Amino acid sequence: MAVRVEPITTTDVPAVARFLHTHLNSRVPAEAWERAVQVPWKVSAPNHGFLLRDDSSGVGEVVGAHLAFYSERTIHGEVRRFCNLGAWCVLPAHRFHSLKLLKALLAQDGHDFTDLSPSGNVVAMNTRLGFSFLDTATAVAPNLPWPAIPGRGRISADPAVLERILTGDDLQIYRDHAETAAARHVVLIRGGRYCYVIFRTDRRRNLPFFASVLYVSDPELFRAMSRRFQSHLLVRHGILAVLAELRVVGARPALSRMLAAPRRKMFRGAGLSEPDIDYLYSELTCLSW
């Protein structure tokens, strides 16, 4: 077979989106795949990942794809270019060529890499390729309709309120992610303080009743107002439980238990350590599945 590895260009995105809808996750419409890879934040991206094209039939059929989400982040005063490794799918007849996609991504000089949703086989492969694990210890807690206590703060998901309350980096993060498909935004307000929270809906055991917290700007205030946040998830979104990684939220929510096998997340980059890595500007904010 004549199989080529090519960067995914803007022209290729619709075909890759249809391929992923058909062969990886049919719950995600092709339009959603297409929207996800064309990120709303400003970045000079070299591609949208890499694809495999089979020329044996003469039509150059897409038979594999590995998405990538690029961003530029400031770490310890230095601007670094990140490549978040996204969805990876190759047709069974072409699995021999799968690793070529990952190698093409990792061969891009000047990038640090994250893989925030690796499958079991990919975890072992990433380990051999020099990736490190993040501590993803995760608590799960039921969302209950806790009553709002007057004078104990308020919560808002109103874009106008978010624009007015958020400042500095938080305001830029909000503006960069306001149009992403998976990120949902709230601000917890008490006195002169705020806590900006980004979460996404998630599935566990194929049940879509969970929220995963991706970003918390003030863990101390989040802890003090966690019941208000969880009540908001239940009442406004119908979300029954929250998944809270301790490295993100800072402490276990009330009535929580620790997951025995939390999902793995990995990164690779010279001089990077675990506190330098977050879940923003990634597939987790751009794609709901």
Protein backbone atom coordinates (compact mmCIF):
# COMPACT_ATOMS: atom_id res chain seq x y z
CA MET A 1 0.00 0.00 0.00
CA ALA A 2 1.13 3.54 -0.77
CA VAL A 3 0.50 5.31 2.53
CA ARG A 4 1.64 8.88 3.09
CA VAL A 5 1.93 10.92 6.26
CA GLU A 6 0.84 14.53 5.75
CA PRO A 7 0.13 17.52 7.98
CA ILE A 8 -3.57 18.27 8.41
CA THR A 9 -4.18 21.59 6.68
CA THR A 10 -7.32 23.71 6.87
CA THR A 11 -8.38 22.17 3.55
CA ASP A 12 -8.08 18.67 5.04
CA VAL A 13 -10.13 19.41 8.17
CA PRO A 14 -13.60 18.49 6.78
CA ALA A 15 -12.41 15.08 5.52
CA VAL A 16 -10.59 14.36 8.78
CA ALA A 17 -13.69 15.39 10.75
CA ARG A 18 -15.87 12.98 8.77
CA PHE A 19 -13.28 10.23 9.27
CA LEU A 20 -13.23 10.70 13.05
CA HIS A 21 -17.02 10.85 13.26
CA THR A 22 -17.31 7.60 11.30
CA HIS A 23 -14.46 5.61 12.79
CA LEU A 24 -13.69 6.99 16.26
CA ASN A 25 -16.74 8.52 17.96
CA SER A 26 -20.06 8.79 16.16
CA ARG A 27 -21.58 10.66 19.14
CA VAL A 28 -19.48 13.63 18.05
CA PRO A 29 -20.90 15.11 14.81
CA ALA A 30 -18.46 15.80 12.01
CA GLU A 31 -19.23 19.50 12.40
CA ALA A 32 -18.15 19.34 16.04
CA TRP A 33 -14.85 17.67 15.14
CA GLU A 34 -14.30 20.34 12.50
CA ARG A 35 -15.02 23.18 14.90
CA ALA A 36 -12.85 21.71 17.65
CA VAL A 37 -9.58 21.64 15.73
CA GLN A 38 -9.93 25.22 14.53
CA VAL A 39 -9.20 26.79 17.90
CA PRO A 40 -10.48 30.31 18.70
CA TRP A 41 -7.38 31.61 20.49
CA LYS A 42 -4.55 33.34 18.66
CA VAL A 43 -1.70 31.00 17.78
CA SER A 44 0.60 30.38 14.84
CA ALA A 45 -0.15 26.68 14.36
CA PRO A 46 1.94 24.70 11.86
CA ASN A 47 -0.93 22.26 11.24
CA HIS A 48 -3.94 20.64 12.92
CA GLY A 49 -2.09 17.37 13.43
CA PHE A 50 -1.11 14.69 10.91
CA LEU A 51 -3.05 12.27 8.73
CA LEU A 52 -2.45 9.04 6.86
CA ARG A 53 -3.50 8.99 3.22
CA ASP A 54 -3.81 5.76 1.19
CA ASP A 55 -3.02 6.28 -2.49
CA SER A 56 -3.57 2.67 -3.56
CA SER A 57 -7.10 3.40 -4.80
CA GLY A 58 -6.03 6.56 -6.59
CA VAL A 59 -8.26 8.86 -4.50
CA GLY A 60 -5.98 9.55 -1.54
CA GLU A 61 -8.42 8.27 1.08
CA VAL A 62 -7.87 9.36 4.69
CA VAL A 63 -7.18 6.19 6.69
CA GLY A 64 -5.79 7.67 9.89
CA ALA A 65 -5.47 10.94 11.82
CA HIS A 66 -3.86 12.31 14.95
CA LEU A 67 -5.15 15.75 15.93
CA ALA A 68 -3.07 18.45 17.59
CA PHE A 69 -4.03 21.63 19.47
CA TYR A 70 -1.37 24.33 19.60
CA SER A 71 -0.91 27.24 21.98
CA GLU A 72 1.71 29.62 23.28
CA ARG A 73 2.01 29.80 27.06
CA THR A 74 4.21 31.86 29.33
CA ILE A 75 6.07 29.64 31.83
CA HIS A 76 8.34 31.37 34.38
CA GLY A 77 8.50 34.42 32.13
CA GLU A 78 9.38 32.43 29.01
CA VAL A 79 6.98 31.99 26.07
CA ARG A 80 6.79 28.31 25.18
CA ARG A 81 4.99 26.61 22.32
CA PHE A 82 2.75 23.72 23.32
CA CYS A 83 1.30 20.92 21.24
CA ASN A 84 -1.56 19.08 22.92
CA LEU A 85 -1.94 15.62 21.38
CA GLY A 86 -5.59 15.02 20.57
CA ALA A 87 -7.72 12.25 19.11
CA TRP A 88 -5.82 9.45 17.37
CA CYS A 89 -7.52 6.95 15.07
CA VAL A 90 -6.18 4.63 12.35
CA LEU A 91 -8.15 2.04 10.40
CA PRO A 92 -7.28 -1.56 11.38
CA ALA A 93 -5.77 -2.40 7.98
CA HIS A 94 -3.29 0.46 8.41
CA ARG A 95 -2.41 0.13 12.12
CA PHE A 96 1.16 -0.73 11.16
CA HIS A 97 1.56 2.94 10.20
CA SER A 98 0.01 4.38 13.39
CA LEU A 99 3.27 5.28 15.06
CA LYS A 100 4.29 7.39 12.07
CA LEU A 101 1.64 9.94 13.06
CA LEU A 102 2.92 10.30 16.60
CA LYS A 103 6.53 10.48 15.46
CA ALA A 104 5.63 13.23 12.98
CA LEU A 105 4.07 15.28 15.78
CA LEU A 106 6.93 14.76 18.21
CA ALA A 107 9.52 15.56 15.53
CA GLN A 108 8.37 19.18 15.49
CA ASP A 109 11.19 21.18 17.03
CA GLY A 110 10.53 23.89 19.55
CA HIS A 111 7.39 22.39 21.07
CA ASP A 112 6.47 20.98 24.45
CA PHE A 113 3.83 18.25 24.45
CA THR A 114 0.85 17.24 26.54
CA ASP A 115 -1.40 14.21 26.22
CA LEU A 116 -4.42 14.72 28.47
CA SER A 117 -6.56 11.75 27.41
CA PRO A 118 -4.23 8.87 26.48
CA SER A 119 -5.70 5.37 26.18
CA GLY A 120 -4.11 2.36 27.84
CA ASN A 121 -1.79 1.42 24.98
CA VAL A 122 -0.80 5.03 24.38
CA VAL A 123 0.23 5.49 28.02
CA ALA A 124 2.91 2.81 27.69
CA MET A 125 4.07 4.22 24.37
CA ASN A 126 4.30 7.76 25.75
CA THR A 127 6.33 6.50 28.70
CA ARG A 128 8.90 4.97 26.33
CA LEU A 129 9.05 8.27 24.45
CA GLY A 130 9.97 10.29 27.55
CA PHE A 131 6.60 11.57 28.76
CA SER A 132 6.03 12.10 32.49
CA PHE A 133 2.84 11.57 34.46
CA LEU A 134 0.78 14.25 36.12
CA ASP A 135 -0.64 13.48 39.55
CA THR A 136 -4.30 13.04 38.63
CA ALA A 137 -5.60 11.95 42.06
CA THR A 138 -9.31 12.66 41.68
CA ALA A 139 -12.18 12.96 44.13
CA VAL A 140 -15.78 12.38 43.07
CA ALA A 141 -18.57 14.05 45.03
CA PRO A 142 -22.36 14.12 44.63
CA ASN A 143 -23.92 17.42 43.65
CA LEU A 144 -26.70 18.28 46.09
CA PRO A 145 -29.18 21.19 46.08
CA TRP A 146 -27.49 23.08 48.90
CA PRO A 147 -29.49 26.20 49.86
CA ALA A 148 -27.93 29.56 49.12
CA ILE A 149 -27.07 31.37 52.34
CA PRO A 150 -27.52 35.17 52.13
CA GLY A 151 -24.27 37.07 52.47
CA ARG A 152 -22.12 34.03 51.71
CA GLY A 153 -21.32 34.98 48.14
CA ARG A 154 -22.87 34.41 44.75
CA ILE A 155 -22.18 32.50 41.54
CA SER A 156 -22.71 33.64 37.97
CA ALA A 157 -22.31 32.21 34.49
CA ASP A 158 -23.44 35.43 32.82
CA PRO A 159 -20.86 36.46 30.17
CA ALA A 160 -21.37 40.12 31.07
CA VAL A 161 -20.56 39.39 34.72
CA LEU A 162 -17.50 37.35 33.76
CA GLU A 163 -16.25 40.19 31.55
CA ARG A 164 -16.78 42.70 34.37
CA ILE A 165 -15.35 40.69 37.28
CA LEU A 166 -12.38 38.89 35.76
CA THR A 167 -9.05 40.64 35.47
CA GLY A 168 -5.57 40.09 34.03
CA ASP A 169 -4.72 36.56 32.91
CA ASP A 170 -8.14 35.25 33.95
CA LEU A 171 -9.91 37.68 31.65
CA GLN A 172 -7.65 36.67 28.75
CA ILE A 173 -8.24 32.97 29.48
CA TYR A 174 -11.99 33.56 29.46
CA ARG A 175 -11.90 35.45 26.17
CA ASP A 176 -9.71 32.76 24.60
CA HIS A 177 -12.09 29.99 25.67
CA ALA A 178 -15.50 31.65 25.54
CA GLU A 179 -16.24 30.14 22.11
CA THR A 180 -14.84 26.67 22.71
CA ALA A 181 -17.36 23.84 22.62
CA ALA A 182 -16.47 22.02 25.85
CA ALA A 183 -15.38 24.70 28.32
CA ARG A 184 -18.08 26.07 30.63
CA HIS A 185 -17.45 29.12 32.76
CA VAL A 186 -18.61 30.39 36.14
CA VAL A 187 -17.33 32.95 38.63
CA LEU A 188 -17.71 32.59 42.40
CA ILE A 189 -17.84 35.95 44.14
CA ARG A 190 -17.51 36.74 47.83
CA GLY A 191 -16.63 40.16 49.19
CA GLY A 192 -13.82 41.61 47.12
CA ARG A 193 -12.60 38.21 45.87
CA TYR A 194 -13.54 36.01 42.97
CA CYS A 195 -12.75 32.48 41.83
CA TYR A 196 -12.96 31.79 38.11
CA VAL A 197 -13.86 28.15 37.35
CA ILE A 198 -13.80 26.30 34.04
CA PHE A 199 -15.40 22.87 33.86
CA ARG A 200 -16.56 20.41 31.22
CA THR A 201 -19.24 17.74 31.18
CA ASP A 202 -17.84 14.23 31.13
CA ARG A 203 -18.83 10.59 30.85
CA ARG A 204 -18.08 7.79 33.24
CA ARG A 205 -19.24 4.28 32.38
CA ASN A 206 -20.97 5.94 29.41
CA LEU A 207 -23.14 8.06 31.71
CA PRO A 208 -23.08 11.82 30.86
CA PHE A 209 -23.79 13.05 34.38
CA PHE A 210 -20.38 14.27 35.52
CA ALA A 211 -18.47 17.56 35.50
CA SER A 212 -14.68 17.68 35.43
CA VAL A 213 -13.09 20.81 36.86
CA LEU A 214 -10.36 22.07 34.51
CA TYR A 215 -9.31 25.36 36.06
CA VAL A 216 -9.68 27.11 39.43
CA SER A 217 -8.16 30.54 39.88
CA ASP A 218 -8.52 30.70 43.71
CA PRO A 219 -8.53 27.24 45.34
CA GLU A 220 -9.14 28.68 48.82
CA LEU A 221 -12.31 30.50 47.76
CA PHE A 222 -13.37 27.53 45.67
CA ARG A 223 -13.16 25.31 48.73
CA ALA A 224 -15.21 27.79 50.77
CA MET A 225 -17.89 28.00 48.07
CA SER A 226 -17.75 24.45 46.68
CA ARG A 227 -21.29 23.62 47.82
CA ARG A 228 -22.63 26.65 45.96
CA PHE A 229 -20.74 25.54 42.85
CA GLN A 230 -21.99 21.96 43.09
CA SER A 231 -25.58 23.11 43.59
CA HIS A 232 -25.20 25.22 40.44
CA LEU A 233 -24.02 22.14 38.51
CA LEU A 234 -27.06 20.15 39.63
CA VAL A 235 -29.76 22.79 39.28
CA ARG A 236 -28.56 24.60 36.14
CA HIS A 237 -26.96 21.73 34.23
CA GLY A 238 -28.46 18.53 35.62
CA ILE A 239 -24.97 17.26 36.49
CA LEU A 240 -25.12 14.69 39.29
CA ALA A 241 -21.48 14.55 40.41
CA VAL A 242 -18.27 16.52 40.20
CA LEU A 243 -14.83 15.10 39.40
CA ALA A 244 -12.19 17.20 41.12
CA GLU A 245 -8.48 16.60 40.60
CA LEU A 246 -6.73 17.66 43.77
CA ARG A 247 -3.94 19.40 41.81
CA VAL A 248 -6.61 21.63 40.26
CA VAL A 249 -9.05 22.30 43.12
CA GLY A 250 -6.63 22.08 46.06
CA ALA A 251 -8.67 19.91 48.44
CA ARG A 252 -11.33 17.23 48.45
CA PRO A 253 -14.96 18.42 48.25
CA ALA A 254 -17.35 17.48 51.05
CA LEU A 255 -18.82 13.96 50.92
CA SER A 256 -16.30 12.91 48.29
CA ARG A 257 -14.40 9.69 47.77
CA MET A 258 -11.17 9.16 45.86
CA LEU A 259 -11.29 7.34 42.54
CA ALA A 260 -9.34 4.10 42.56
CA ALA A 261 -8.14 4.53 38.98
CA PRO A 262 -8.21 8.17 37.80
CA ARG A 263 -7.52 8.89 34.15
CA ARG A 264 -3.88 9.40 33.25
CA LYS A 265 -2.45 12.63 31.87
CA MET A 266 1.08 13.13 30.59
CA PHE A 267 3.54 15.77 29.42
CA ARG A 268 6.99 16.13 27.87
CA GLY A 269 9.18 19.22 27.78
CA ALA A 270 12.70 20.17 28.77
CA GLY A 271 12.74 21.91 32.13
CA LEU A 272 8.99 21.56 32.68
CA SER A 273 7.58 20.26 35.94
CA GLU A 274 4.08 19.28 37.00
CA PRO A 275 3.00 22.73 38.31
CA ASP A 276 3.74 24.20 34.86
CA ILE A 277 1.01 22.12 33.19
CA ASP A 278 -2.70 22.89 33.19
CA TYR A 279 -5.63 21.78 31.04
CA LEU A 280 -6.34 25.03 29.21
CA TYR A 281 -5.83 25.57 25.48
CA SER A 282 -6.34 21.87 24.86
CA GLU A 283 -8.66 19.23 23.44
CA LEU A 284 -10.38 19.12 26.85
CA THR A 285 -11.72 22.63 26.33
CA CYS A 286 -12.49 22.26 22.63
CA LEU A 287 -14.23 18.91 22.22
CA SER A 288 -17.18 17.32 24.03
CA TRP A 289 -17.48 13.57 23.73
